[in-house]
Amino acid sequence: MPEEDGSGIHCRLDELLAERDMTLTRLAEIVGVSIVNLSVLKNDRAKAIRFSTLVAVCDALDCEVGDLLVRAG
């Protein structure tokens, strides 16, 4: 289902963290991004994401961008 902002993008951060038995706190430490900012991303409230953050999150989770961000629907 498309999000309130109409972006149509869903972030699978919750699922990827669970699969890797990793906490949001640990991911924030690894990536160097605040827990608040990652929470915004995780809860599909982000309006934008820096490419450097996207790469760092994908590196930390050993995934591809397409594993993290998918079309909602």
PDB file of N, CA and C in Angstrom:
ATOM      1  N   MET A   1       0.850  -1.179   0.000  1.00  0.00           N
ATOM      2  CA  MET A   1       0.000   0.000   0.000  1.00  0.00           C
ATOM      3  C   MET A   1       0.887   1.231   0.000  1.00  0.00           C
ATOM      4  N   PRO A   2       0.658   2.196  -0.892  1.00  0.00           N
ATOM      5  CA  PRO A   2       1.467   3.402  -0.929  1.00  0.00           C
ATOM      6  C   PRO A   2       1.378   4.164   0.390  1.00  0.00           C
ATOM      7  N   GLU A   3       2.475   4.798   0.744  1.00  0.00           N
ATOM      8  CA  GLU A   3       2.527   5.526   2.007  1.00  0.00           C
ATOM      9  C   GLU A   3       1.808   6.860   1.893  1.00  0.00           C
ATOM     10  N   GLU A   4       1.628   7.513   3.033  1.00  0.00           N
ATOM     11  CA  GLU A   4       0.912   8.781   3.095  1.00  0.00           C
ATOM     12  C   GLU A   4       1.498   9.832   2.166  1.00  0.00           C
ATOM     13  N   ASP A   5       2.825   9.852   2.030  1.00  0.00           N
ATOM     14  CA  ASP A   5       3.445  10.862   1.176  1.00  0.00           C
ATOM     15  C   ASP A   5       3.348  10.500  -0.297  1.00  0.00           C
ATOM     16  N   GLY A   6       2.808   9.337  -0.592  1.00  0.00           N
ATOM     17  CA  GLY A   6       2.609   8.937  -1.974  1.00  0.00           C
ATOM     18  C   GLY A   6       3.872   8.455  -2.664  1.00  0.00           C
ATOM     19  N   SER A   7       4.941   8.192  -1.906  1.00  0.00           N
ATOM     20  CA  SER A   7       6.196   7.793  -2.542  1.00  0.00           C
ATOM     21  C   SER A   7       6.092   6.421  -3.191  1.00  0.00           C
ATOM     22  N   GLY A   8       5.268   5.549  -2.617  1.00  0.00           N
ATOM     23  CA  GLY A   8       5.142   4.202  -3.162  1.00  0.00           C
ATOM     24  C   GLY A   8       6.346   3.334  -2.885  1.00  0.00           C
ATOM     25  N   ILE A   9       7.210   3.753  -1.961  1.00  0.00           N
ATOM     26  CA  ILE A   9       8.409   2.996  -1.611  1.00  0.00           C
ATOM     27  C   ILE A   9       8.270   2.461  -0.195  1.00  0.00           C
ATOM     28  N   HIS A  10       8.615   1.198  -0.016  1.00  0.00           N
ATOM     29  CA  HIS A  10       8.593   0.574   1.310  1.00  0.00           C
ATOM     30  C   HIS A  10      10.024   0.184   1.676  1.00  0.00           C
ATOM     31  N   CYS A  11      10.429   0.526   2.891  1.00  0.00           N
ATOM     32  CA  CYS A  11      11.749   0.162   3.389  1.00  0.00           C
ATOM     33  C   CYS A  11      11.629  -1.127   4.190  1.00  0.00           C
ATOM     34  N   ARG A  12      12.398  -2.128   3.831  1.00  0.00           N
ATOM     35  CA  ARG A  12      12.361  -3.439   4.479  1.00  0.00           C
ATOM     36  C   ARG A  12      13.385  -3.560   5.606  1.00  0.00           C
ATOM     37  N   LEU A  13      13.747  -2.436   6.218  1.00  0.00           N
ATOM     38  CA  LEU A  13      14.785  -2.449   7.243  1.00  0.00           C
ATOM     39  C   LEU A  13      14.446  -3.380   8.404  1.00  0.00           C
ATOM     40  N   ASP A  14      13.206  -3.355   8.855  1.00  0.00           N
ATOM     41  CA  ASP A  14      12.786  -4.245   9.950  1.00  0.00           C
ATOM     42  C   ASP A  14      13.055  -5.708   9.615  1.00  0.00           C
ATOM     43  N   GLU A  15      12.634  -6.128   8.436  1.00  0.00           N
ATOM     44  CA  GLU A  15      12.805  -7.519   8.026  1.00  0.00           C
ATOM     45  C   GLU A  15      14.286  -7.897   7.916  1.00  0.00           C
ATOM     46  N   LEU A  16      15.083  -7.006   7.328  1.00  0.00           N
ATOM     47  CA  LEU A  16      16.505  -7.294   7.153  1.00  0.00           C
ATOM     48  C   LEU A  16      17.228  -7.354   8.499  1.00  0.00           C
ATOM     49  N   LEU A  17      16.866  -6.469   9.411  1.00  0.00           N
ATOM     50  CA  LEU A  17      17.469  -6.511  10.748  1.00  0.00           C
ATOM     51  C   LEU A  17      17.110  -7.822  11.447  1.00  0.00           C
ATOM     52  N   ALA A  18      15.850  -8.224  11.354  1.00  0.00           N
ATOM     53  CA  ALA A  18      15.410  -9.464  12.007  1.00  0.00           C
ATOM     54  C   ALA A  18      16.143 -10.672  11.422  1.00  0.00           C
ATOM     55  N   GLU A  19      16.287 -10.709  10.094  1.00  0.00           N
ATOM     56  CA  GLU A  19      16.983 -11.826   9.445  1.00  0.00           C
ATOM     57  C   GLU A  19      18.435 -11.930   9.900  1.00  0.00           C
ATOM     58  N   ARG A  20      19.021 -10.793  10.257  1.00  0.00           N
ATOM     59  CA  ARG A  20      20.433 -10.764  10.634  1.00  0.00           C
ATOM     60  C   ARG A  20      20.629 -10.702  12.150  1.00  0.00           C
ATOM     61  N   ASP A  21      19.522 -10.774  12.874  1.00  0.00           N
ATOM     62  CA  ASP A  21      19.565 -10.714  14.331  1.00  0.00           C
ATOM     63  C   ASP A  21      20.356  -9.484  14.804  1.00  0.00           C
ATOM     64  N   MET A  22      20.043  -8.343  14.184  1.00  0.00           N
ATOM     65  CA  MET A  22      20.733  -7.092  14.480  1.00  0.00           C
ATOM     66  C   MET A  22      19.719  -6.072  14.982  1.00  0.00           C
ATOM     67  N   THR A  23      20.132  -5.243  15.921  1.00  0.00           N
ATOM     68  CA  THR A  23      19.242  -4.193  16.426  1.00  0.00           C
ATOM     69  C   THR A  23      19.450  -2.907  15.636  1.00  0.00           C
ATOM     70  N   LEU A  24      18.462  -2.040  15.719  1.00  0.00           N
ATOM     71  CA  LEU A  24      18.572  -0.732  15.088  1.00  0.00           C
ATOM     72  C   LEU A  24      19.718   0.052  15.732  1.00  0.00           C
ATOM     73  N   THR A  25      19.895  -0.129  17.031  1.00  0.00           N
ATOM     74  CA  THR A  25      20.984   0.544  17.748  1.00  0.00           C
ATOM     75  C   THR A  25      22.340   0.123  17.193  1.00  0.00           C
ATOM     76  N   ARG A  26      22.514  -1.171  16.984  1.00  0.00           N
ATOM     77  CA  ARG A  26      23.784  -1.676  16.441  1.00  0.00           C
ATOM     78  C   ARG A  26      24.008  -1.164  15.027  1.00  0.00           C
ATOM     79  N   LEU A  27      22.961  -1.162  14.211  1.00  0.00           N
ATOM     80  CA  LEU A  27      23.087  -0.658  12.842  1.00  0.00           C
ATOM     81  C   LEU A  27      23.490   0.816  12.870  1.00  0.00           C
ATOM     82  N   ALA A  28      22.892   1.591  13.752  1.00  0.00           N
ATOM     83  CA  ALA A  28      23.226   3.013  13.869  1.00  0.00           C
ATOM     84  C   ALA A  28      24.698   3.190  14.215  1.00  0.00           C
ATOM     85  N   GLU A  29      25.213   2.350  15.116  1.00  0.00           N
ATOM     86  CA  GLU A  29      26.631   2.407  15.491  1.00  0.00           C
ATOM     87  C   GLU A  29      27.527   2.106  14.302  1.00  0.00           C
ATOM     88  N   ILE A  30      27.185   1.073  13.549  1.00  0.00           N
ATOM     89  CA  ILE A  30      27.997   0.657  12.404  1.00  0.00           C
ATOM     90  C   ILE A  30      27.985   1.713  11.305  1.00  0.00           C
ATOM     91  N   VAL A  31      26.799   2.236  11.021  1.00  0.00           N
ATOM     92  CA  VAL A  31      26.618   3.154   9.894  1.00  0.00           C
ATOM     93  C   VAL A  31      27.019   4.585  10.252  1.00  0.00           C
ATOM     94  N   GLY A  32      26.910   4.939  11.535  1.00  0.00           N
ATOM     95  CA  GLY A  32      27.220   6.308  11.932  1.00  0.00           C
ATOM     96  C   GLY A  32      26.083   7.267  11.671  1.00  0.00           C
ATOM     97  N   VAL A  33      24.865   6.745  11.753  1.00  0.00           N
ATOM     98  CA  VAL A  33      23.650   7.542  11.574  1.00  0.00           C
ATOM     99  C   VAL A  33      22.847   7.411  12.857  1.00  0.00           C
ATOM    100  N   SER A  34      22.119   8.470  13.219  1.00  0.00           N
ATOM    101  CA  SER A  34      21.360   8.423  14.471  1.00  0.00           C
ATOM    102  C   SER A  34      20.242   7.390  14.400  1.00  0.00           C
ATOM    103  N   ILE A  35      19.894   6.866  15.567  1.00  0.00           N
ATOM    104  CA  ILE A  35      18.786   5.916  15.659  1.00  0.00           C
ATOM    105  C   ILE A  35      17.501   6.581  15.174  1.00  0.00           C
ATOM    106  N   VAL A  36      17.334   7.858  15.476  1.00  0.00           N
ATOM    107  CA  VAL A  36      16.130   8.580  15.052  1.00  0.00           C
ATOM    108  C   VAL A  36      16.023   8.583  13.528  1.00  0.00           C
ATOM    109  N   ASN A  37      17.115   8.874  12.846  1.00  0.00           N
ATOM    110  CA  ASN A  37      17.075   8.906  11.379  1.00  0.00           C
ATOM    111  C   ASN A  37      16.815   7.523  10.793  1.00  0.00           C
ATOM    112  N   LEU A  38      17.422   6.497  11.382  1.00  0.00           N
ATOM    113  CA  LEU A  38      17.155   5.143  10.897  1.00  0.00           C
ATOM    114  C   LEU A  38      15.719   4.731  11.185  1.00  0.00           C
ATOM    115  N   SER A  39      15.179   5.180  12.308  1.00  0.00           N
ATOM    116  CA  SER A  39      13.792   4.876  12.643  1.00  0.00           C
ATOM    117  C   SER A  39      12.832   5.506  11.641  1.00  0.00           C
ATOM    118  N   VAL A  40      13.132   6.717  11.218  1.00  0.00           N
ATOM    119  CA  VAL A  40      12.319   7.385  10.198  1.00  0.00           C
ATOM    120  C   VAL A  40      12.329   6.557   8.915  1.00  0.00           C
ATOM    121  N   LEU A  41      13.502   6.079   8.541  1.00  0.00           N
ATOM    122  CA  LEU A  41      13.619   5.240   7.348  1.00  0.00           C
ATOM    123  C   LEU A  41      12.855   3.934   7.533  1.00  0.00           C
ATOM    124  N   LYS A  42      13.050   3.295   8.674  1.00  0.00           N
ATOM    125  CA  LYS A  42      12.425   1.999   8.972  1.00  0.00           C
ATOM    126  C   LYS A  42      10.904   2.075   8.949  1.00  0.00           C
ATOM    127  N   ASN A  43      10.365   3.199   9.398  1.00  0.00           N
ATOM    128  CA  ASN A  43       8.914   3.353   9.485  1.00  0.00           C
ATOM    129  C   ASN A  43       8.295   4.009   8.255  1.00  0.00           C
ATOM    130  N   ASP A  44       9.039   4.003   7.155  1.00  0.00           N
ATOM    131  CA  ASP A  44       8.554   4.536   5.871  1.00  0.00           C
ATOM    132  C   ASP A  44       8.132   5.999   5.953  1.00  0.00           C
ATOM    133  N   ARG A  45       8.821   6.775   6.785  1.00  0.00           N
ATOM    134  CA  ARG A  45       8.504   8.199   6.886  1.00  0.00           C
ATOM    135  C   ARG A  45       9.566   9.068   6.230  1.00  0.00           C
ATOM    136  N   ALA A  46      10.613   8.453   5.696  1.00  0.00           N
ATOM    137  CA  ALA A  46      11.690   9.218   5.061  1.00  0.00           C
ATOM    138  C   ALA A  46      11.225   9.776   3.727  1.00  0.00           C
ATOM    139  N   LYS A  47      11.587  11.019   3.479  1.00  0.00           N
ATOM    140  CA  LYS A  47      11.274  11.649   2.195  1.00  0.00           C
ATOM    141  C   LYS A  47      12.474  11.559   1.258  1.00  0.00           C
ATOM    142  N   ALA A  48      13.651  11.336   1.839  1.00  0.00           N
ATOM    143  CA  ALA A  48      14.887  11.247   1.050  1.00  0.00           C
ATOM    144  C   ALA A  48      15.915  10.460   1.859  1.00  0.00           C
ATOM    145  N   ILE A  49      16.927   9.970   1.155  1.00  0.00           N
ATOM    146  CA  ILE A  49      18.049   9.296   1.816  1.00  0.00           C
ATOM    147  C   ILE A  49      19.305   9.610   1.018  1.00  0.00           C
ATOM    148  N   ARG A  50      20.357   9.953   1.719  1.00  0.00           N
ATOM    149  CA  ARG A  50      21.638  10.218   1.050  1.00  0.00           C
ATOM    150  C   ARG A  50      22.175   8.905   0.475  1.00  0.00           C
ATOM    151  N   PHE A  51      22.777   8.996  -0.697  1.00  0.00           N
ATOM    152  CA  PHE A  51      23.364   7.799  -1.295  1.00  0.00           C
ATOM    153  C   PHE A  51      24.418   7.205  -0.364  1.00  0.00           C
ATOM    154  N   SER A  52      25.192   8.060   0.301  1.00  0.00           N
ATOM    155  CA  SER A  52      26.236   7.550   1.200  1.00  0.00           C
ATOM    156  C   SER A  52      25.620   6.756   2.350  1.00  0.00           C
ATOM    157  N   THR A  53      24.480   7.198   2.857  1.00  0.00           N
ATOM    158  CA  THR A  53      23.787   6.469   3.920  1.00  0.00           C
ATOM    159  C   THR A  53      23.236   5.161   3.380  1.00  0.00           C
ATOM    160  N   LEU A  54      22.659   5.216   2.207  1.00  0.00           N
ATOM    161  CA  LEU A  54      22.108   4.016   1.579  1.00  0.00           C
ATOM    162  C   LEU A  54      23.203   2.962   1.376  1.00  0.00           C
ATOM    163  N   VAL A  55      24.351   3.382   0.890  1.00  0.00           N
ATOM    164  CA  VAL A  55      25.468   2.457   0.678  1.00  0.00           C
ATOM    165  C   VAL A  55      25.944   1.893   2.010  1.00  0.00           C
ATOM    166  N   ALA A  56      26.052   2.746   3.024  1.00  0.00           N
ATOM    167  CA  ALA A  56      26.527   2.293   4.342  1.00  0.00           C
ATOM    168  C   ALA A  56      25.564   1.285   4.963  1.00  0.00           C
ATOM    169  N   VAL A  57      24.262   1.535   4.850  1.00  0.00           N
ATOM    170  CA  VAL A  57      23.269   0.604   5.387  1.00  0.00           C
ATOM    171  C   VAL A  57      23.349  -0.726   4.641  1.00  0.00           C
ATOM    172  N   CYS A  58      23.422  -0.663   3.330  1.00  0.00           N
ATOM    173  CA  CYS A  58      23.513  -1.896   2.540  1.00  0.00           C
ATOM    174  C   CYS A  58      24.796  -2.663   2.846  1.00  0.00           C
ATOM    175  N   ASP A  59      25.898  -1.950   3.029  1.00  0.00           N
ATOM    176  CA  ASP A  59      27.151  -2.617   3.394  1.00  0.00           C
ATOM    177  C   ASP A  59      27.024  -3.305   4.747  1.00  0.00           C
ATOM    178  N   ALA A  60      26.439  -2.603   5.719  1.00  0.00           N
ATOM    179  CA  ALA A  60      26.299  -3.149   7.072  1.00  0.00           C
ATOM    180  C   ALA A  60      25.385  -4.373   7.095  1.00  0.00           C
ATOM    181  N   LEU A  61      24.367  -4.360   6.235  1.00  0.00           N
ATOM    182  CA  LEU A  61      23.410  -5.467   6.206  1.00  0.00           C
ATOM    183  C   LEU A  61      23.759  -6.505   5.139  1.00  0.00           C
ATOM    184  N   ASP A  62      24.841  -6.272   4.404  1.00  0.00           N
ATOM    185  CA  ASP A  62      25.258  -7.164   3.323  1.00  0.00           C
ATOM    186  C   ASP A  62      24.093  -7.456   2.385  1.00  0.00           C
ATOM    187  N   CYS A  63      23.515  -6.359   1.870  1.00  0.00           N
ATOM    188  CA  CYS A  63      22.374  -6.493   0.960  1.00  0.00           C
ATOM    189  C   CYS A  63      22.514  -5.494  -0.184  1.00  0.00           C
ATOM    190  N   GLU A  64      21.629  -5.607  -1.132  1.00  0.00           N
ATOM    191  CA  GLU A  64      21.558  -4.681  -2.253  1.00  0.00           C
ATOM    192  C   GLU A  64      20.465  -3.654  -1.979  1.00  0.00           C
ATOM    193  N   VAL A  65      20.524  -2.540  -2.668  1.00  0.00           N
ATOM    194  CA  VAL A  65      19.513  -1.492  -2.512  1.00  0.00           C
ATOM    195  C   VAL A  65      18.113  -2.058  -2.740  1.00  0.00           C
ATOM    196  N   GLY A  66      17.976  -2.927  -3.716  1.00  0.00           N
ATOM    197  CA  GLY A  66      16.684  -3.527  -4.032  1.00  0.00           C
ATOM    198  C   GLY A  66      16.168  -4.475  -2.961  1.00  0.00           C
ATOM    199  N   ASP A  67      17.053  -4.930  -2.070  1.00  0.00           N
ATOM    200  CA  ASP A  67      16.626  -5.736  -0.941  1.00  0.00           C
ATOM    201  C   ASP A  67      16.061  -4.855   0.165  1.00  0.00           C
ATOM    202  N   LEU A  68      16.575  -3.631   0.251  1.00  0.00           N
ATOM    203  CA  LEU A  68      16.190  -2.685   1.292  1.00  0.00           C
ATOM    204  C   LEU A  68      14.964  -1.870   0.907  1.00  0.00           C
ATOM    205  N   LEU A  69      14.967  -1.352  -0.305  1.00  0.00           N
ATOM    206  CA  LEU A  69      13.867  -0.495  -0.772  1.00  0.00           C
ATOM    207  C   LEU A  69      13.098  -1.189  -1.884  1.00  0.00           C
ATOM    208  N   VAL A  70      11.801  -1.332  -1.697  1.00  0.00           N
ATOM    209  CA  VAL A  70      10.958  -1.976  -2.699  1.00  0.00           C
ATOM    210  C   VAL A  70       9.732  -1.118  -2.971  1.00  0.00           C
ATOM    211  N   ARG A  71       9.123  -1.358  -4.118  1.00  0.00           N
ATOM    212  CA  ARG A  71       7.874  -0.655  -4.431  1.00  0.00           C
ATOM    213  C   ARG A  71       6.778  -1.154  -3.507  1.00  0.00           C
ATOM    214  N   ALA A  72       6.057  -0.232  -2.913  1.00  0.00           N
ATOM    215  CA  ALA A  72       4.935  -0.604  -2.029  1.00  0.00           C
ATOM    216  C   ALA A  72       3.774  -1.022  -2.908  1.00  0.00           C
ATOM    217  N   GLY A  73       2.997  -1.907  -2.376  1.00  0.00           N
ATOM    218  CA  GLY A  73       1.840  -2.289  -3.155  1.00  0.00           C
ATOM    219  C   GLY A  73       1.471  -3.661  -3.001  1.00  0.00           C
TER     220      GLY A  73
END
